[in-house]
Amino acid sequence: MNNNSDQSDDFVSGRAEPPSESIVCVDCGGSAHLLTHPPEDGIWQVGEVVAYRCSDCRDRWDIVLAPEGE
């Protein structure tokens, strides 16, 4: 049995950087707007997935939230 204790998958939890109301669509350069409603407590958590929809090409983008400051 191989013990990989020196190799770890760093799991980060806690508050996330709040998502932007819109992002630039990677496919067409249009504006993709946030579809996901904020949590009831208003605190976004690291690892939450938020969805955006491009108003030009209609593509959907799912983004995983990163820790604050990253």
N, C-alpha and C. Protein backbone atom coordinates (compact mmCIF):
# COMPACT_ATOMS: atom_id res chain seq x y z
N MET A 1 0.84 -1.17 0.00
CA MET A 1 0.00 0.00 0.00
C MET A 1 0.89 1.24 0.00
N ASN A 2 0.56 2.17 -0.85
CA ASN A 2 1.36 3.38 -0.99
C ASN A 2 0.71 4.50 -0.19
N ASN A 3 1.48 5.10 0.73
CA ASN A 3 0.98 6.20 1.53
C ASN A 3 1.41 7.51 0.89
N ASN A 4 0.47 8.25 0.37
CA ASN A 4 0.77 9.52 -0.29
C ASN A 4 0.51 10.70 0.62
N SER A 5 0.92 10.59 1.88
CA SER A 5 0.64 11.66 2.83
C SER A 5 1.35 12.96 2.47
N ASP A 6 2.46 12.87 1.70
CA ASP A 6 3.15 14.09 1.30
C ASP A 6 2.48 14.75 0.09
N GLN A 7 1.56 14.03 -0.54
CA GLN A 7 0.80 14.59 -1.65
C GLN A 7 -0.63 14.77 -1.18
N SER A 8 -1.11 16.00 -1.21
CA SER A 8 -2.48 16.23 -0.75
C SER A 8 -3.24 17.05 -1.76
N ASP A 9 -4.52 16.77 -1.83
CA ASP A 9 -5.41 17.61 -2.62
C ASP A 9 -5.88 18.69 -1.67
N ASP A 10 -5.37 19.90 -1.86
CA ASP A 10 -5.71 21.00 -0.97
C ASP A 10 -7.17 21.35 -1.13
N PHE A 11 -7.94 21.14 -0.09
CA PHE A 11 -9.34 21.48 -0.07
C PHE A 11 -9.48 22.81 0.65
N VAL A 12 -10.07 23.77 -0.02
CA VAL A 12 -10.23 25.10 0.55
C VAL A 12 -11.71 25.33 0.79
N SER A 13 -12.03 25.86 1.95
CA SER A 13 -13.43 26.19 2.24
C SER A 13 -13.47 27.61 2.79
N GLY A 14 -14.67 28.11 2.92
CA GLY A 14 -14.84 29.45 3.45
C GLY A 14 -15.50 30.37 2.46
N ARG A 15 -15.37 31.66 2.72
CA ARG A 15 -16.00 32.67 1.87
C ARG A 15 -15.34 32.74 0.51
N ALA A 16 -16.18 32.95 -0.48
CA ALA A 16 -15.69 33.09 -1.85
C ALA A 16 -15.83 34.54 -2.31
N GLU A 17 -15.07 34.85 -3.32
CA GLU A 17 -15.21 36.13 -4.00
C GLU A 17 -16.61 36.16 -4.61
N PRO A 18 -17.41 37.19 -4.34
CA PRO A 18 -18.76 37.23 -4.93
C PRO A 18 -18.67 37.27 -6.46
N PRO A 19 -19.60 36.60 -7.14
CA PRO A 19 -19.56 36.59 -8.60
C PRO A 19 -19.93 37.95 -9.18
N SER A 20 -19.37 38.26 -10.33
CA SER A 20 -19.72 39.48 -11.06
C SER A 20 -21.12 39.34 -11.63
N GLU A 21 -21.79 40.47 -11.82
CA GLU A 21 -23.12 40.44 -12.43
C GLU A 21 -23.06 40.01 -13.89
N SER A 22 -21.92 40.27 -14.55
CA SER A 22 -21.75 39.84 -15.93
C SER A 22 -20.27 39.55 -16.19
N ILE A 23 -20.03 38.71 -17.19
CA ILE A 23 -18.68 38.37 -17.62
C ILE A 23 -18.65 38.44 -19.15
N VAL A 24 -17.45 38.41 -19.72
CA VAL A 24 -17.31 38.39 -21.17
C VAL A 24 -17.38 36.94 -21.63
N CYS A 25 -18.25 36.67 -22.60
CA CYS A 25 -18.39 35.33 -23.16
C CYS A 25 -17.12 34.95 -23.90
N VAL A 26 -16.58 33.79 -23.56
CA VAL A 26 -15.35 33.32 -24.18
C VAL A 26 -15.56 32.99 -25.65
N ASP A 27 -16.75 32.53 -26.00
CA ASP A 27 -17.01 32.12 -27.39
C ASP A 27 -17.19 33.29 -28.34
N CYS A 28 -17.99 34.29 -27.94
CA CYS A 28 -18.34 35.33 -28.91
C CYS A 28 -17.94 36.74 -28.48
N GLY A 29 -17.52 36.92 -27.24
CA GLY A 29 -17.13 38.24 -26.76
C GLY A 29 -18.30 39.08 -26.27
N GLY A 30 -19.50 38.50 -26.29
CA GLY A 30 -20.69 39.19 -25.80
C GLY A 30 -20.73 39.26 -24.29
N SER A 31 -21.81 39.74 -23.76
CA SER A 31 -21.98 39.87 -22.32
C SER A 31 -22.81 38.71 -21.78
N ALA A 32 -22.24 37.97 -20.84
CA ALA A 32 -22.95 36.86 -20.20
C ALA A 32 -23.37 37.32 -18.81
N HIS A 33 -24.65 37.15 -18.50
CA HIS A 33 -25.22 37.67 -17.25
C HIS A 33 -25.47 36.54 -16.25
N LEU A 34 -25.29 36.87 -14.99
CA LEU A 34 -25.45 35.92 -13.89
C LEU A 34 -26.88 35.42 -13.82
N LEU A 35 -27.05 34.10 -13.79
CA LEU A 35 -28.36 33.47 -13.64
C LEU A 35 -28.63 33.05 -12.20
N THR A 36 -27.58 32.72 -11.48
CA THR A 36 -27.69 32.15 -10.13
C THR A 36 -28.07 33.23 -9.12
N HIS A 37 -29.08 32.91 -8.32
CA HIS A 37 -29.49 33.82 -7.25
C HIS A 37 -28.52 33.70 -6.07
N PRO A 38 -28.30 34.79 -5.34
CA PRO A 38 -27.39 34.72 -4.19
C PRO A 38 -27.98 33.85 -3.08
N PRO A 39 -27.12 33.30 -2.23
CA PRO A 39 -27.60 32.52 -1.09
C PRO A 39 -28.46 33.40 -0.18
N GLU A 40 -29.34 32.77 0.59
CA GLU A 40 -30.23 33.52 1.49
C GLU A 40 -29.45 34.39 2.48
N ASP A 41 -28.30 33.88 2.95
CA ASP A 41 -27.52 34.66 3.90
C ASP A 41 -26.59 35.66 3.22
N GLY A 42 -26.56 35.64 1.88
CA GLY A 42 -25.75 36.58 1.13
C GLY A 42 -24.27 36.26 1.09
N ILE A 43 -23.89 35.11 1.63
CA ILE A 43 -22.47 34.74 1.70
C ILE A 43 -22.20 33.61 0.71
N TRP A 44 -21.38 33.91 -0.28
CA TRP A 44 -20.98 32.91 -1.27
C TRP A 44 -19.87 32.06 -0.68
N GLN A 45 -19.88 30.75 -0.95
CA GLN A 45 -18.88 29.83 -0.41
C GLN A 45 -17.97 29.32 -1.53
N VAL A 46 -16.71 29.06 -1.18
CA VAL A 46 -15.75 28.50 -2.11
C VAL A 46 -16.30 27.18 -2.64
N GLY A 47 -16.19 27.00 -3.94
CA GLY A 47 -16.64 25.76 -4.57
C GLY A 47 -18.07 25.81 -5.09
N GLU A 48 -18.84 26.84 -4.70
CA GLU A 48 -20.19 26.96 -5.25
C GLU A 48 -20.07 27.23 -6.74
N VAL A 49 -21.05 26.72 -7.48
CA VAL A 49 -21.07 26.91 -8.93
C VAL A 49 -22.15 27.93 -9.27
N VAL A 50 -21.77 28.93 -10.06
CA VAL A 50 -22.72 29.94 -10.53
C VAL A 50 -22.82 29.84 -12.05
N ALA A 51 -23.98 30.16 -12.59
CA ALA A 51 -24.22 30.04 -14.02
C ALA A 51 -24.43 31.41 -14.65
N TYR A 52 -23.92 31.54 -15.85
CA TYR A 52 -24.08 32.74 -16.66
C TYR A 52 -24.66 32.34 -18.01
N ARG A 53 -25.43 33.25 -18.63
CA ARG A 53 -25.95 33.03 -19.98
C ARG A 53 -25.57 34.23 -20.84
N CYS A 54 -24.99 33.94 -22.01
CA CYS A 54 -24.60 35.00 -22.93
C CYS A 54 -25.84 35.54 -23.64
N SER A 55 -25.98 36.86 -23.64
CA SER A 55 -27.15 37.46 -24.29
C SER A 55 -27.01 37.49 -25.81
N ASP A 56 -25.81 37.23 -26.34
CA ASP A 56 -25.60 37.23 -27.79
C ASP A 56 -25.72 35.83 -28.38
N CYS A 57 -24.86 34.91 -27.95
CA CYS A 57 -24.85 33.57 -28.54
C CYS A 57 -25.66 32.55 -27.73
N ARG A 58 -26.12 32.95 -26.55
CA ARG A 58 -26.96 32.12 -25.67
C ARG A 58 -26.22 30.96 -25.02
N ASP A 59 -24.88 30.92 -25.12
CA ASP A 59 -24.12 29.87 -24.43
C ASP A 59 -24.24 30.06 -22.93
N ARG A 60 -24.16 28.94 -22.22
CA ARG A 60 -24.19 28.96 -20.76
C ARG A 60 -22.78 28.67 -20.25
N TRP A 61 -22.40 29.39 -19.20
CA TRP A 61 -21.09 29.20 -18.57
C TRP A 61 -21.30 28.93 -17.09
N ASP A 62 -20.70 27.84 -16.61
CA ASP A 62 -20.74 27.50 -15.19
C ASP A 62 -19.36 27.77 -14.61
N ILE A 63 -19.32 28.58 -13.57
CA ILE A 63 -18.06 29.01 -12.96
C ILE A 63 -18.03 28.56 -11.50
N VAL A 64 -16.90 27.99 -11.08
CA VAL A 64 -16.70 27.59 -9.68
C VAL A 64 -16.08 28.78 -8.95
N LEU A 65 -16.68 29.17 -7.84
CA LEU A 65 -16.20 30.35 -7.10
C LEU A 65 -14.89 30.05 -6.37
N ALA A 66 -13.99 31.03 -6.44
CA ALA A 66 -12.66 30.92 -5.81
C ALA A 66 -12.67 31.64 -4.47
N PRO A 67 -11.69 31.35 -3.63
CA PRO A 67 -11.58 32.05 -2.34
C PRO A 67 -11.39 33.55 -2.53
N GLU A 68 -11.80 34.32 -1.54
CA GLU A 68 -11.62 35.77 -1.58
C GLU A 68 -10.14 36.07 -1.78
N GLY A 69 -9.88 37.05 -2.62
CA GLY A 69 -8.51 37.49 -2.84
C GLY A 69 -7.74 36.71 -3.90
N GLU A 70 -8.34 35.72 -4.50
CA GLU A 70 -7.64 34.95 -5.55
C GLU A 70 -8.12 35.35 -6.92
